[in-house]
Amino acid sequence: MAAAVRFNHYKLIRVKGLGERLYDLNKDPGETKDLRLEKPQIFSSLKQQLVSWEKDKMKPIWTEGAVWDTITLMIHDDLMKNRKVRVRNPDELKKFRLSK
């Protein structure tokens, strides 16, 4: 499950199993430099805003299925670690699994 919140030029992204990242979209529109440690007050404030907003929201009742859930998680992982995206579709996932 992924979520994001934005305030002014700051954006917090959270992906279950991968953690959180904080970006300054004015200085880093490509979202390459995580600012969690440099801006702890902003990070904490945005995280609390996200948690508060989610309190009365319903949890998703379906997913795209195991294959697409895996692909989505891999894409998020690559993007959050500033890597080239390895897999974009089920055919590429099969090749990736075969090469491991």
N, C-alpha and C. Protein backbone atom coordinates (compact mmCIF):
# COMPACT_ATOMS: atom_id res chain seq x y z
N MET A 1 0.84 -1.17 0.00
CA MET A 1 0.00 0.00 0.00
C MET A 1 0.89 1.24 0.00
N ALA A 2 0.58 2.16 -0.85
CA ALA A 2 1.38 3.38 -0.98
C ALA A 2 0.50 4.59 -0.72
N ALA A 3 1.13 5.65 -0.23
CA ALA A 3 0.41 6.90 0.00
C ALA A 3 1.41 8.05 -0.08
N ALA A 4 0.88 9.23 -0.34
CA ALA A 4 1.73 10.41 -0.40
C ALA A 4 0.93 11.61 0.10
N VAL A 5 1.66 12.58 0.61
CA VAL A 5 1.06 13.84 1.04
C VAL A 5 2.01 14.95 0.61
N ARG A 6 1.42 16.07 0.25
CA ARG A 6 2.22 17.19 -0.20
C ARG A 6 1.79 18.44 0.54
N PHE A 7 2.76 19.26 0.95
CA PHE A 7 2.50 20.55 1.56
C PHE A 7 3.51 21.53 0.99
N ASN A 8 2.99 22.58 0.38
CA ASN A 8 3.85 23.53 -0.33
C ASN A 8 4.74 22.76 -1.30
N HIS A 9 6.04 22.88 -1.15
CA HIS A 9 6.94 22.22 -2.10
C HIS A 9 7.52 20.92 -1.56
N TYR A 10 7.03 20.47 -0.41
CA TYR A 10 7.52 19.21 0.17
C TYR A 10 6.53 18.07 -0.12
N LYS A 11 7.07 16.90 -0.36
CA LYS A 11 6.25 15.72 -0.63
C LYS A 11 6.80 14.55 0.16
N LEU A 12 5.91 13.89 0.89
CA LEU A 12 6.26 12.69 1.64
C LEU A 12 5.62 11.51 0.92
N ILE A 13 6.41 10.48 0.66
CA ILE A 13 5.92 9.25 0.04
C ILE A 13 6.15 8.11 1.02
N ARG A 14 5.12 7.25 1.17
CA ARG A 14 5.24 6.07 2.02
C ARG A 14 4.79 4.85 1.22
N VAL A 15 5.62 3.81 1.23
CA VAL A 15 5.28 2.56 0.56
C VAL A 15 5.49 1.44 1.57
N LYS A 16 4.43 0.69 1.83
CA LYS A 16 4.50 -0.40 2.80
C LYS A 16 5.63 -1.36 2.42
N GLY A 17 6.49 -1.64 3.37
CA GLY A 17 7.62 -2.54 3.14
C GLY A 17 8.86 -1.85 2.62
N LEU A 18 8.72 -0.60 2.18
CA LEU A 18 9.87 0.13 1.63
C LEU A 18 10.20 1.39 2.42
N GLY A 19 9.29 1.83 3.26
CA GLY A 19 9.57 3.00 4.08
C GLY A 19 9.01 4.28 3.52
N GLU A 20 9.64 5.38 3.92
CA GLU A 20 9.17 6.72 3.58
C GLU A 20 10.32 7.53 3.01
N ARG A 21 9.96 8.53 2.22
CA ARG A 21 10.93 9.46 1.66
C ARG A 21 10.31 10.85 1.70
N LEU A 22 11.15 11.86 1.89
CA LEU A 22 10.72 13.25 1.87
C LEU A 22 11.51 13.98 0.80
N TYR A 23 10.81 14.72 -0.05
CA TYR A 23 11.46 15.44 -1.14
C TYR A 23 11.05 16.90 -1.15
N ASP A 24 11.94 17.75 -1.62
CA ASP A 24 11.66 19.16 -1.88
C ASP A 24 11.48 19.28 -3.39
N LEU A 25 10.24 19.41 -3.83
CA LEU A 25 9.95 19.41 -5.25
C LEU A 25 10.46 20.65 -5.98
N ASN A 26 10.69 21.75 -5.26
CA ASN A 26 11.27 22.94 -5.91
C ASN A 26 12.73 22.70 -6.27
N LYS A 27 13.47 22.13 -5.36
CA LYS A 27 14.91 21.91 -5.57
C LYS A 27 15.22 20.58 -6.23
N ASP A 28 14.29 19.64 -6.14
CA ASP A 28 14.54 18.27 -6.62
C ASP A 28 13.27 17.69 -7.24
N PRO A 29 12.86 18.20 -8.40
CA PRO A 29 11.62 17.71 -9.01
C PRO A 29 11.69 16.24 -9.43
N GLY A 30 12.89 15.71 -9.59
CA GLY A 30 13.06 14.30 -9.95
C GLY A 30 13.01 13.37 -8.75
N GLU A 31 12.84 13.94 -7.56
CA GLU A 31 12.73 13.17 -6.32
C GLU A 31 13.90 12.19 -6.15
N THR A 32 15.10 12.75 -6.12
CA THR A 32 16.30 11.92 -5.99
C THR A 32 16.97 12.03 -4.63
N LYS A 33 16.71 13.11 -3.88
CA LYS A 33 17.38 13.31 -2.59
C LYS A 33 16.37 13.25 -1.44
N ASP A 34 16.50 12.22 -0.64
CA ASP A 34 15.63 12.03 0.52
C ASP A 34 16.05 13.00 1.62
N LEU A 35 15.11 13.78 2.13
CA LEU A 35 15.41 14.81 3.14
C LEU A 35 14.91 14.46 4.54
N ARG A 36 14.54 13.21 4.77
CA ARG A 36 14.00 12.85 6.10
C ARG A 36 14.93 13.26 7.23
N LEU A 37 16.22 12.99 7.08
CA LEU A 37 17.16 13.28 8.17
C LEU A 37 17.54 14.76 8.23
N GLU A 38 17.49 15.43 7.10
CA GLU A 38 17.85 16.86 7.07
C GLU A 38 16.70 17.76 7.50
N LYS A 39 15.47 17.30 7.33
CA LYS A 39 14.29 18.09 7.66
C LYS A 39 13.34 17.28 8.55
N PRO A 40 13.80 16.89 9.76
CA PRO A 40 12.99 16.01 10.60
C PRO A 40 11.65 16.62 11.02
N GLN A 41 11.59 17.92 11.22
CA GLN A 41 10.32 18.54 11.64
C GLN A 41 9.30 18.51 10.51
N ILE A 42 9.74 18.79 9.31
CA ILE A 42 8.84 18.74 8.16
C ILE A 42 8.39 17.30 7.92
N PHE A 43 9.34 16.37 7.99
CA PHE A 43 9.01 14.96 7.81
C PHE A 43 7.97 14.52 8.83
N SER A 44 8.19 14.83 10.09
CA SER A 44 7.27 14.43 11.16
C SER A 44 5.89 15.06 10.97
N SER A 45 5.86 16.32 10.60
CA SER A 45 4.59 17.01 10.40
C SER A 45 3.79 16.40 9.25
N LEU A 46 4.46 16.15 8.13
CA LEU A 46 3.76 15.56 6.98
C LEU A 46 3.31 14.14 7.28
N LYS A 47 4.14 13.39 7.98
CA LYS A 47 3.77 12.02 8.34
C LYS A 47 2.52 12.03 9.22
N GLN A 48 2.47 12.93 10.19
CA GLN A 48 1.30 13.02 11.06
C GLN A 48 0.06 13.46 10.29
N GLN A 49 0.23 14.37 9.35
CA GLN A 49 -0.91 14.79 8.52
C GLN A 49 -1.46 13.62 7.71
N LEU A 50 -0.56 12.81 7.17
CA LEU A 50 -0.99 11.64 6.39
C LEU A 50 -1.73 10.64 7.27
N VAL A 51 -1.18 10.36 8.44
CA VAL A 51 -1.82 9.43 9.38
C VAL A 51 -3.20 9.95 9.78
N SER A 52 -3.30 11.23 10.08
CA SER A 52 -4.58 11.83 10.47
C SER A 52 -5.60 11.73 9.34
N TRP A 53 -5.17 12.02 8.13
CA TRP A 53 -6.07 11.96 6.97
C TRP A 53 -6.59 10.54 6.75
N GLU A 54 -5.72 9.56 6.97
CA GLU A 54 -6.08 8.16 6.70
C GLU A 54 -7.02 7.54 7.75
N LYS A 55 -7.12 8.15 8.91
CA LYS A 55 -7.87 7.55 10.02
C LYS A 55 -9.27 7.12 9.66
N ASP A 56 -10.00 7.91 8.91
CA ASP A 56 -11.39 7.56 8.61
C ASP A 56 -11.56 7.01 7.19
N LYS A 57 -10.47 6.65 6.56
CA LYS A 57 -10.54 6.09 5.21
C LYS A 57 -10.62 4.56 5.27
N MET A 58 -11.33 4.01 4.32
CA MET A 58 -11.48 2.57 4.23
C MET A 58 -10.22 1.96 3.62
N LYS A 59 -9.79 0.83 4.14
CA LYS A 59 -8.65 0.13 3.55
C LYS A 59 -9.08 -0.45 2.21
N PRO A 60 -8.15 -0.52 1.24
CA PRO A 60 -8.51 -1.09 -0.06
C PRO A 60 -9.08 -2.51 0.10
N ILE A 61 -10.09 -2.82 -0.69
CA ILE A 61 -10.72 -4.14 -0.58
C ILE A 61 -10.29 -5.08 -1.70
N TRP A 62 -9.44 -4.62 -2.59
CA TRP A 62 -8.91 -5.49 -3.64
C TRP A 62 -7.53 -4.98 -4.06
N THR A 63 -6.83 -5.82 -4.78
CA THR A 63 -5.55 -5.43 -5.37
C THR A 63 -5.60 -5.82 -6.84
N GLU A 64 -4.54 -5.53 -7.52
CA GLU A 64 -4.45 -5.88 -8.94
C GLU A 64 -4.02 -7.33 -9.14
N GLY A 65 -3.78 -8.04 -8.07
CA GLY A 65 -3.34 -9.43 -8.16
C GLY A 65 -1.85 -9.53 -7.87
N ALA A 66 -1.41 -10.72 -7.57
CA ALA A 66 -0.03 -10.94 -7.12
C ALA A 66 1.01 -10.45 -8.12
N VAL A 67 0.80 -10.71 -9.40
CA VAL A 67 1.80 -10.30 -10.40
C VAL A 67 1.94 -8.79 -10.45
N TRP A 68 0.82 -8.09 -10.58
CA TRP A 68 0.88 -6.63 -10.66
C TRP A 68 1.27 -6.01 -9.33
N ASP A 69 0.87 -6.60 -8.22
CA ASP A 69 1.33 -6.10 -6.92
C ASP A 69 2.84 -6.18 -6.82
N THR A 70 3.42 -7.28 -7.31
CA THR A 70 4.89 -7.44 -7.31
C THR A 70 5.54 -6.41 -8.21
N ILE A 71 5.00 -6.22 -9.40
CA ILE A 71 5.56 -5.24 -10.34
C ILE A 71 5.51 -3.84 -9.73
N THR A 72 4.36 -3.49 -9.16
CA THR A 72 4.21 -2.16 -8.55
C THR A 72 5.21 -1.96 -7.42
N LEU A 73 5.37 -2.96 -6.56
CA LEU A 73 6.33 -2.86 -5.47
C LEU A 73 7.75 -2.70 -6.00
N MET A 74 8.10 -3.45 -7.03
CA MET A 74 9.44 -3.35 -7.61
C MET A 74 9.67 -1.96 -8.23
N ILE A 75 8.66 -1.42 -8.89
CA ILE A 75 8.79 -0.07 -9.46
C ILE A 75 9.00 0.94 -8.35
N HIS A 76 8.19 0.87 -7.31
CA HIS A 76 8.36 1.80 -6.17
C HIS A 76 9.75 1.65 -5.56
N ASP A 77 10.20 0.44 -5.37
CA ASP A 77 11.53 0.19 -4.81
C ASP A 77 12.61 0.82 -5.67
N ASP A 78 12.53 0.61 -6.97
CA ASP A 78 13.53 1.20 -7.87
C ASP A 78 13.49 2.72 -7.82
N LEU A 79 12.32 3.29 -7.87
CA LEU A 79 12.21 4.75 -7.86
C LEU A 79 12.69 5.34 -6.55
N MET A 80 12.34 4.70 -5.44
CA MET A 80 12.75 5.22 -4.13
C MET A 80 14.25 5.10 -3.91
N LYS A 81 14.90 4.21 -4.64
CA LYS A 81 16.36 4.03 -4.53
C LYS A 81 17.09 4.63 -5.72
N ASN A 82 16.38 5.42 -6.51
CA ASN A 82 16.97 6.12 -7.66
C ASN A 82 17.65 5.18 -8.63
N ARG A 83 17.01 4.06 -8.89
CA ARG A 83 17.53 3.09 -9.85
C ARG A 83 16.65 3.10 -11.09
N LYS A 84 17.20 2.57 -12.17
CA LYS A 84 16.42 2.36 -13.38
C LYS A 84 15.35 1.31 -13.07
N VAL A 85 14.13 1.55 -13.53
CA VAL A 85 13.04 0.61 -13.29
C VAL A 85 13.34 -0.69 -14.02
N ARG A 86 13.32 -1.79 -13.27
CA ARG A 86 13.69 -3.10 -13.80
C ARG A 86 12.55 -3.80 -14.53
N VAL A 87 11.34 -3.62 -14.04
CA VAL A 87 10.21 -4.39 -14.54
C VAL A 87 9.02 -3.46 -14.71
N ARG A 88 8.36 -3.53 -15.87
CA ARG A 88 7.18 -2.70 -16.13
C ARG A 88 5.94 -3.50 -16.51
N ASN A 89 6.11 -4.79 -16.79
CA ASN A 89 4.97 -5.60 -17.20
C ASN A 89 5.26 -7.07 -16.87
N PRO A 90 4.24 -7.92 -16.95
CA PRO A 90 4.41 -9.32 -16.57
C PRO A 90 5.47 -10.07 -17.38
N ASP A 91 5.62 -9.76 -18.66
CA ASP A 91 6.66 -10.43 -19.46
C ASP A 91 8.05 -10.11 -18.92
N GLU A 92 8.27 -8.86 -18.56
CA GLU A 92 9.57 -8.48 -18.00
C GLU A 92 9.79 -9.13 -16.64
N LEU A 93 8.74 -9.29 -15.88
CA LEU A 93 8.86 -9.93 -14.57
C LEU A 93 9.29 -11.38 -14.74
N LYS A 94 8.73 -12.08 -15.73
CA LYS A 94 9.13 -13.46 -16.00
C LYS A 94 10.61 -13.55 -16.33
N LYS A 95 11.10 -12.64 -17.15
CA LYS A 95 12.52 -12.63 -17.51
C LYS A 95 13.38 -12.34 -16.30
N PHE A 96 12.91 -11.43 -15.45
CA PHE A 96 13.67 -11.09 -14.25
C PHE A 96 13.77 -12.29 -13.32
N ARG A 97 12.67 -12.99 -13.15
CA ARG A 97 12.66 -14.17 -12.27
C ARG A 97 13.54 -15.28 -12.83
N LEU A 98 13.57 -15.43 -14.15
CA LEU A 98 14.40 -16.46 -14.76
C LEU A 98 15.88 -16.18 -14.60
N SER A 99 16.23 -14.89 -14.57
CA SER A 99 17.64 -14.53 -14.50
C SER A 99 18.19 -14.56 -13.07
N LYS A 100 17.36 -14.70 -12.10
CA LYS A 100 17.82 -14.69 -10.69
C LYS A 100 18.41 -15.98 -10.27
